[in-house]
Amino acid sequence: MRVLVTRPGVDAAETGRRLAALGHEAITAPLLRVYFHDVPKAAFEGVQGILLTSANGAHAFAWSVTPHPDLPVFAVGRRTAQAARDAGFSNVRSADGDADALAQAVSQWVDPAKGSLLHAAGAHADGRLATELMSRGFRVERHDVYDVAVAPSELLATVLSRRLSDAALFFSPRSARAFCEFVAVQGLKDTTRGIIAIAMSAATAEALKPLEFREIRVASAPNQDALLACLG
C-alpha cells in the first residue's frame, strides 16, 4: 500500500522505516515544520522530573543542551520515551498511553512534595496534563520548547492531484485540520475520495470530517503501533 506521510523531518523518516518494514511504500510529503527553542537552565531549578507529551519535546533537548541528563523523564508513550533516551536522558519511564494515562502514572511514580515537574511542551499543546496533575497536588511548570507551523511541500499537491497514495496517516487533530485546509485552498477536495484516512484518535478523525475519504479508520490506542495496525 502507498501511504502518505505528512510529518516533518525525523518523525517522517522514522514512520517511513516502520512502513517499509511492514511492506508498505511511504510517500513523504511534509505538511508541517517544527521549530525548536532553547530550554533555559533556570527551568530546571527545583524540578524533580520532566514531562514529555510528544517526541518533539524530546527532540528539543537533543537540539539544545540539557544540564541534567540524569533527571527522570516521564513520557506519554514508548516512542516519546525512546526519543528521550536518544536525546541523552538515562532515567526514562513511559505511560504507554495519552495525557490522562501519563497523569495517572506520574501520580504513582513520584511524590508532589519532592519538587515541581517541568512540562516540555509544544506551543499549541493544551493544558490538560498540567490541570490534571495540579488537581493531584503537583506543581507543573510549562516551557514551550518547540512550535509547529504549517509549511506544505510542493510534493503534497502533486501526490494528491495525481492520486499517488492509497492511505494517509494523521497523528493529531491539528495536522488533520491543516491537511483539510490545504486541500480546500488547493481545490483538491475530490482527490481524497479514494484515500483511506488513518487517524490517531477520535478527535483526529473528527477533524477530518470536512473531507470525503474512502474510509476513516481510528487507531485502537493513541500510539504509532496501533495507527499502523489499521493499515491491515
Foldseek 3Di string as FASTA:
>chain_A
DEEEEQDDDPVLVVVQVVQVVVVYHYDYWHFKDKDFDDDDQVLCPQAQEEEEQDLVLLVNLLVYPHPCLAREYEYAADVSQVSNVVSRRDHYDYLHAHLVSSLVVVLVVDDQVRGAYEYAAAPPDDCVNVVSNVVVVHHYDYDHGMYMDGDTGPVVVVCQVVVVGQEYEEQDLVVLLSVVVVCVVVVRQVSAQRYEYQYLAPSNVVSNVVGHHVYYHYFPGNDVVSSVVVVD
